[in-house]
């Protein structure tokens, strides 16, 4: 991975879970997990078709350096946009890079999306 391709500072957030009076678990808020540099890449036509076989709503790939503390339950914030992580793919087996396969890119509007 070339360092120059990771040009964007993004914030990863983890969900804070709560339990309703009926016992249902839900996301009550989000807390910051970590910030790092990333490459945000809309999927091209061919990549989108390949990703659609994997999961129909994947439309963005966010590449970051290898980390062990990222989870598919997290979300990514960048420039007022929210990206939900649907899958984490290790690009190669040498632990250099993780591809966060995401959907979203919608603008965050007050509250918890």
N, C-alpha and C. Protein backbone atom coordinates (compact mmCIF):
# COMPACT_ATOMS: atom_id res chain seq x y z
N UNK A 1 0.84 -1.16 0.00
CA UNK A 1 0.00 0.00 0.00
C UNK A 1 0.89 1.23 0.00
N UNK A 2 0.63 2.13 -0.91
CA UNK A 2 1.38 3.37 -0.96
C UNK A 2 0.74 4.37 0.01
N UNK A 3 1.57 5.01 0.80
CA UNK A 3 1.08 5.91 1.82
C UNK A 3 0.28 7.06 1.24
N UNK A 4 0.66 7.57 0.08
CA UNK A 4 0.00 8.72 -0.51
C UNK A 4 -1.45 8.49 -0.88
N UNK A 5 -1.87 7.25 -0.97
CA UNK A 5 -3.26 6.98 -1.34
C UNK A 5 -4.21 7.17 -0.16
N UNK A 6 -3.70 7.17 1.04
CA UNK A 6 -4.54 7.33 2.24
C UNK A 6 -4.57 8.81 2.59
N UNK A 7 -5.43 9.56 1.93
CA UNK A 7 -5.42 11.02 2.04
C UNK A 7 -6.48 11.59 2.97
N UNK A 8 -7.42 10.82 3.39
CA UNK A 8 -8.55 11.32 4.17
C UNK A 8 -8.45 10.90 5.63
N UNK A 9 -8.71 11.82 6.53
CA UNK A 9 -8.82 11.47 7.95
C UNK A 9 -10.26 11.08 8.21
N UNK A 10 -10.47 9.89 8.72
CA UNK A 10 -11.81 9.41 9.01
C UNK A 10 -11.90 9.05 10.49
N UNK A 11 -13.12 9.06 10.99
CA UNK A 11 -13.38 8.70 12.39
C UNK A 11 -14.20 7.42 12.41
N UNK A 12 -13.71 6.41 13.10
CA UNK A 12 -14.47 5.17 13.31
C UNK A 12 -15.20 5.30 14.64
N UNK A 13 -16.46 4.89 14.63
CA UNK A 13 -17.27 4.92 15.85
C UNK A 13 -17.83 3.54 16.13
N UNK A 14 -17.95 3.23 17.42
CA UNK A 14 -18.54 1.96 17.84
C UNK A 14 -19.90 2.24 18.49
N UNK A 15 -20.82 1.29 18.37
CA UNK A 15 -22.15 1.50 18.94
C UNK A 15 -22.13 1.34 20.46
N UNK A 16 -22.97 2.13 21.12
CA UNK A 16 -23.21 1.98 22.56
C UNK A 16 -24.61 1.36 22.66
N UNK A 17 -24.65 0.16 23.20
CA UNK A 17 -25.91 -0.59 23.25
C UNK A 17 -26.65 -0.34 24.56
N UNK A 18 -27.95 -0.36 24.48
CA UNK A 18 -28.80 -0.21 25.66
C UNK A 18 -29.92 -1.24 25.55
N UNK A 19 -30.60 -1.43 26.64
CA UNK A 19 -31.70 -2.40 26.68
C UNK A 19 -32.99 -1.66 27.02
N UNK A 20 -34.01 -1.90 26.23
CA UNK A 20 -35.32 -1.28 26.47
C UNK A 20 -36.01 -1.99 27.63
N UNK A 21 -37.07 -1.40 28.17
CA UNK A 21 -37.82 -2.06 29.26
C UNK A 21 -38.36 -3.44 28.86
N UNK A 22 -38.57 -3.65 27.56
CA UNK A 22 -39.06 -4.96 27.12
C UNK A 22 -37.94 -5.96 26.87
N UNK A 23 -36.68 -5.52 27.06
CA UNK A 23 -35.55 -6.42 26.90
C UNK A 23 -34.88 -6.36 25.55
N UNK A 24 -35.39 -5.52 24.65
CA UNK A 24 -34.80 -5.40 23.32
C UNK A 24 -33.50 -4.59 23.40
N UNK A 25 -32.47 -5.09 22.73
CA UNK A 25 -31.18 -4.39 22.68
C UNK A 25 -31.18 -3.48 21.47
N UNK A 26 -30.75 -2.22 21.66
CA UNK A 26 -30.71 -1.26 20.56
C UNK A 26 -29.50 -0.35 20.72
N UNK A 27 -29.14 0.33 19.63
CA UNK A 27 -28.03 1.27 19.65
C UNK A 27 -28.55 2.59 20.21
N UNK A 28 -28.05 2.97 21.38
CA UNK A 28 -28.52 4.21 22.00
C UNK A 28 -27.71 5.41 21.55
N UNK A 29 -26.44 5.19 21.22
CA UNK A 29 -25.58 6.28 20.74
C UNK A 29 -24.33 5.67 20.13
N UNK A 30 -23.45 6.54 19.66
CA UNK A 30 -22.18 6.11 19.07
C UNK A 30 -21.06 6.82 19.80
N UNK A 31 -19.95 6.11 20.03
CA UNK A 31 -18.78 6.73 20.65
C UNK A 31 -17.58 6.56 19.75
N UNK A 32 -16.67 7.52 19.81
CA UNK A 32 -15.48 7.47 18.97
C UNK A 32 -14.59 6.30 19.38
N UNK A 33 -14.15 5.53 18.40
CA UNK A 33 -13.25 4.40 18.65
C UNK A 33 -11.81 4.80 18.32
N UNK A 34 -11.60 5.29 17.10
CA UNK A 34 -10.27 5.75 16.69
C UNK A 34 -10.40 6.55 15.41
N UNK A 35 -9.38 7.32 15.11
CA UNK A 35 -9.30 8.06 13.85
C UNK A 35 -8.05 7.58 13.12
N UNK A 36 -8.12 7.55 11.81
CA UNK A 36 -6.97 7.13 11.03
C UNK A 36 -7.09 7.68 9.61
N UNK A 37 -6.04 7.53 8.84
CA UNK A 37 -6.06 7.92 7.44
C UNK A 37 -6.67 6.79 6.62
N UNK A 38 -7.37 7.18 5.56
CA UNK A 38 -8.07 6.18 4.75
C UNK A 38 -8.20 6.67 3.31
N UNK A 39 -8.48 5.74 2.43
CA UNK A 39 -8.86 6.04 1.05
C UNK A 39 -10.32 5.67 0.91
N UNK A 40 -11.13 6.62 0.45
CA UNK A 40 -12.56 6.38 0.26
C UNK A 40 -12.80 6.26 -1.23
N UNK A 41 -13.28 5.09 -1.65
CA UNK A 41 -13.40 4.79 -3.08
C UNK A 41 -14.80 4.29 -3.42
N UNK A 42 -15.54 5.08 -4.21
CA UNK A 42 -16.80 4.53 -4.73
C UNK A 42 -16.46 3.35 -5.63
N UNK A 43 -17.26 2.31 -5.60
CA UNK A 43 -16.96 1.14 -6.41
C UNK A 43 -17.27 1.42 -7.88
N UNK A 44 -16.39 0.96 -8.73
CA UNK A 44 -16.61 1.09 -10.17
C UNK A 44 -17.69 0.09 -10.59
N UNK A 45 -18.13 0.18 -11.83
CA UNK A 45 -19.18 -0.71 -12.31
C UNK A 45 -18.87 -2.17 -12.12
N UNK A 46 -17.68 -2.59 -12.51
CA UNK A 46 -17.31 -4.00 -12.40
C UNK A 46 -17.18 -4.41 -10.93
N UNK A 47 -16.54 -3.56 -10.12
CA UNK A 47 -16.40 -3.87 -8.70
C UNK A 47 -17.76 -3.90 -8.03
N UNK A 48 -18.65 -2.99 -8.43
CA UNK A 48 -19.98 -2.95 -7.84
C UNK A 48 -20.73 -4.25 -8.14
N UNK A 49 -20.60 -4.74 -9.37
CA UNK A 49 -21.27 -6.00 -9.72
C UNK A 49 -20.70 -7.15 -8.91
N UNK A 50 -19.38 -7.18 -8.71
CA UNK A 50 -18.78 -8.24 -7.91
C UNK A 50 -19.22 -8.12 -6.45
N UNK A 51 -19.27 -6.90 -5.94
CA UNK A 51 -19.70 -6.69 -4.56
C UNK A 51 -21.17 -7.04 -4.40
N UNK A 52 -21.96 -6.79 -5.42
CA UNK A 52 -23.39 -7.09 -5.34
C UNK A 52 -23.63 -8.58 -5.17
N UNK A 53 -22.74 -9.39 -5.72
CA UNK A 53 -22.87 -10.83 -5.51
C UNK A 53 -22.63 -11.15 -4.05
N UNK A 54 -21.78 -10.34 -3.42
CA UNK A 54 -21.47 -10.55 -2.01
C UNK A 54 -22.55 -9.96 -1.12
N UNK A 55 -22.95 -8.73 -1.44
CA UNK A 55 -23.96 -8.02 -0.65
C UNK A 55 -24.50 -6.88 -1.50
N UNK A 56 -25.78 -6.85 -1.71
CA UNK A 56 -26.39 -5.94 -2.67
C UNK A 56 -26.23 -4.46 -2.35
N UNK A 57 -26.10 -4.09 -1.10
CA UNK A 57 -26.08 -2.67 -0.77
C UNK A 57 -24.68 -2.09 -0.56
N UNK A 58 -23.64 -2.79 -0.93
CA UNK A 58 -22.27 -2.27 -0.83
C UNK A 58 -22.03 -1.32 -2.00
N UNK A 59 -21.63 -0.07 -1.70
CA UNK A 59 -21.36 0.87 -2.78
C UNK A 59 -20.06 1.66 -2.60
N UNK A 60 -19.37 1.47 -1.47
CA UNK A 60 -18.14 2.20 -1.20
C UNK A 60 -17.14 1.29 -0.51
N UNK A 61 -15.86 1.47 -0.87
CA UNK A 61 -14.78 0.75 -0.20
C UNK A 61 -13.94 1.79 0.52
N UNK A 62 -13.66 1.54 1.79
CA UNK A 62 -12.77 2.41 2.57
C UNK A 62 -11.56 1.57 2.95
N UNK A 63 -10.39 1.99 2.44
CA UNK A 63 -9.16 1.24 2.70
C UNK A 63 -8.39 1.91 3.84
N UNK A 64 -7.93 1.09 4.80
CA UNK A 64 -7.11 1.58 5.90
C UNK A 64 -5.94 0.62 6.11
N UNK A 65 -4.95 1.07 6.86
CA UNK A 65 -3.87 0.17 7.24
C UNK A 65 -4.42 -0.89 8.19
N UNK A 66 -3.73 -2.02 8.24
CA UNK A 66 -4.16 -3.15 9.06
C UNK A 66 -4.31 -2.74 10.52
N UNK A 67 -5.39 -3.12 11.13
CA UNK A 67 -5.66 -2.91 12.55
C UNK A 67 -6.38 -4.15 13.07
N UNK A 68 -6.25 -4.40 14.35
CA UNK A 68 -6.99 -5.52 14.94
C UNK A 68 -8.22 -5.06 15.70
N UNK A 69 -8.38 -3.75 15.87
CA UNK A 69 -9.47 -3.24 16.70
C UNK A 69 -10.65 -2.68 15.91
N UNK A 70 -10.78 -3.05 14.65
CA UNK A 70 -11.92 -2.58 13.86
C UNK A 70 -12.93 -3.73 13.74
N UNK A 71 -14.21 -3.38 13.73
CA UNK A 71 -15.27 -4.39 13.73
C UNK A 71 -16.34 -4.02 12.70
N UNK A 72 -17.02 -5.00 12.14
CA UNK A 72 -18.10 -4.70 11.20
C UNK A 72 -19.30 -4.01 11.86
N UNK A 73 -19.33 -3.94 13.18
CA UNK A 73 -20.42 -3.22 13.85
C UNK A 73 -20.16 -1.72 13.90
N UNK A 74 -18.96 -1.30 13.54
CA UNK A 74 -18.59 0.11 13.58
C UNK A 74 -19.18 0.85 12.38
N UNK A 75 -19.06 2.16 12.43
CA UNK A 75 -19.39 3.00 11.28
C UNK A 75 -18.26 3.99 11.10
N UNK A 76 -18.21 4.62 9.93
CA UNK A 76 -17.14 5.55 9.59
C UNK A 76 -17.76 6.91 9.30
N UNK A 77 -17.17 7.96 9.87
CA UNK A 77 -17.60 9.32 9.60
C UNK A 77 -16.53 10.03 8.79
N UNK A 78 -16.97 10.72 7.75
CA UNK A 78 -16.05 11.53 6.96
C UNK A 78 -16.82 12.69 6.36
N UNK A 79 -16.39 13.89 6.65
CA UNK A 79 -16.97 15.08 6.04
C UNK A 79 -18.47 15.20 6.21
N UNK A 80 -18.99 14.84 7.38
CA UNK A 80 -20.43 14.91 7.61
C UNK A 80 -21.21 13.75 7.04
N UNK A 81 -20.53 12.79 6.44
CA UNK A 81 -21.19 11.61 5.88
C UNK A 81 -20.97 10.41 6.79
N UNK A 82 -21.96 9.51 6.78
CA UNK A 82 -21.91 8.29 7.59
C UNK A 82 -21.85 7.09 6.66
N UNK A 83 -20.85 6.23 6.87
CA UNK A 83 -20.72 4.99 6.10
C UNK A 83 -20.86 3.83 7.06
N UNK A 84 -21.81 2.94 6.81
CA UNK A 84 -22.00 1.74 7.63
C UNK A 84 -21.14 0.62 7.08
N UNK A 85 -20.35 0.01 7.94
CA UNK A 85 -19.49 -1.10 7.53
C UNK A 85 -20.33 -2.37 7.45
N UNK A 86 -20.29 -3.01 6.30
CA UNK A 86 -21.04 -4.25 6.11
C UNK A 86 -20.14 -5.47 6.13
N UNK A 87 -18.87 -5.28 5.77
CA UNK A 87 -17.92 -6.39 5.77
C UNK A 87 -16.51 -5.85 5.84
N UNK A 88 -15.62 -6.62 6.44
CA UNK A 88 -14.20 -6.29 6.49
C UNK A 88 -13.46 -7.37 5.71
N UNK A 89 -12.67 -6.94 4.74
CA UNK A 89 -11.93 -7.89 3.91
C UNK A 89 -10.45 -7.59 4.03
N UNK A 90 -9.68 -8.61 4.34
CA UNK A 90 -8.23 -8.46 4.35
C UNK A 90 -7.76 -8.60 2.91
N UNK A 91 -7.07 -7.59 2.42
CA UNK A 91 -6.66 -7.59 1.02
C UNK A 91 -5.71 -8.74 0.71
N UNK A 92 -4.72 -8.92 1.56
CA UNK A 92 -3.78 -10.03 1.39
C UNK A 92 -3.56 -10.64 2.76
N UNK A 93 -2.84 -11.72 2.82
CA UNK A 93 -2.63 -12.39 4.10
C UNK A 93 -1.45 -11.82 4.87
N UNK A 94 -0.84 -10.75 4.40
CA UNK A 94 0.34 -10.20 5.08
C UNK A 94 0.00 -9.09 6.07
N UNK A 95 -1.27 -8.92 6.39
CA UNK A 95 -1.71 -7.93 7.37
C UNK A 95 -1.21 -6.52 7.07
N UNK A 96 -1.45 -6.06 5.88
CA UNK A 96 -1.04 -4.70 5.51
C UNK A 96 -2.23 -3.76 5.37
N UNK A 97 -3.36 -4.29 4.95
CA UNK A 97 -4.47 -3.43 4.57
C UNK A 97 -5.80 -4.12 4.83
N UNK A 98 -6.79 -3.33 5.23
CA UNK A 98 -8.16 -3.83 5.40
C UNK A 98 -9.06 -3.02 4.49
N UNK A 99 -9.96 -3.69 3.82
CA UNK A 99 -10.98 -3.03 3.02
C UNK A 99 -12.28 -3.10 3.79
N UNK A 100 -12.82 -1.95 4.13
CA UNK A 100 -14.12 -1.86 4.78
C UNK A 100 -15.14 -1.68 3.67
N UNK A 101 -15.95 -2.67 3.44
CA UNK A 101 -16.98 -2.61 2.41
C UNK A 101 -18.21 -1.98 3.05
N UNK A 102 -18.63 -0.84 2.51
CA UNK A 102 -19.63 0.00 3.19
C UNK A 102 -20.79 0.35 2.27
N UNK A 103 -21.84 0.82 2.91
CA UNK A 103 -22.91 1.50 2.19
C UNK A 103 -23.11 2.83 2.88
N UNK A 104 -23.82 3.68 2.24
CA UNK A 104 -24.09 4.96 2.88
C UNK A 104 -23.46 6.11 2.17
N UNK A 105 -22.76 6.92 2.94
CA UNK A 105 -22.27 8.16 2.41
C UNK A 105 -23.36 9.22 2.54
N UNK A 106 -24.39 8.86 3.31
CA UNK A 106 -25.46 9.84 3.51
C UNK A 106 -25.02 10.87 4.53
N UNK A 107 -25.57 12.03 4.46
CA UNK A 107 -25.22 13.12 5.35
C UNK A 107 -25.83 12.88 6.72
N UNK A 108 -25.02 13.10 7.73
CA UNK A 108 -25.48 12.92 9.10
C UNK A 108 -26.33 14.12 9.50
N UNK A 109 -27.51 13.85 9.97
CA UNK A 109 -28.41 14.91 10.40
C UNK A 109 -28.80 14.64 11.84
N UNK A 110 -28.32 15.40 12.75
CA UNK A 110 -28.68 15.29 14.17
C UNK A 110 -29.20 13.94 14.57
N UNK A 111 -29.08 13.56 15.80
CA UNK A 111 -29.58 12.28 16.27
C UNK A 111 -28.69 11.14 15.85
N UNK A 112 -29.20 9.96 15.93
CA UNK A 112 -28.43 8.75 15.62
C UNK A 112 -29.04 8.08 14.40
N UNK A 113 -28.36 8.15 13.25
CA UNK A 113 -28.90 7.51 12.06
C UNK A 113 -28.89 6.01 12.19
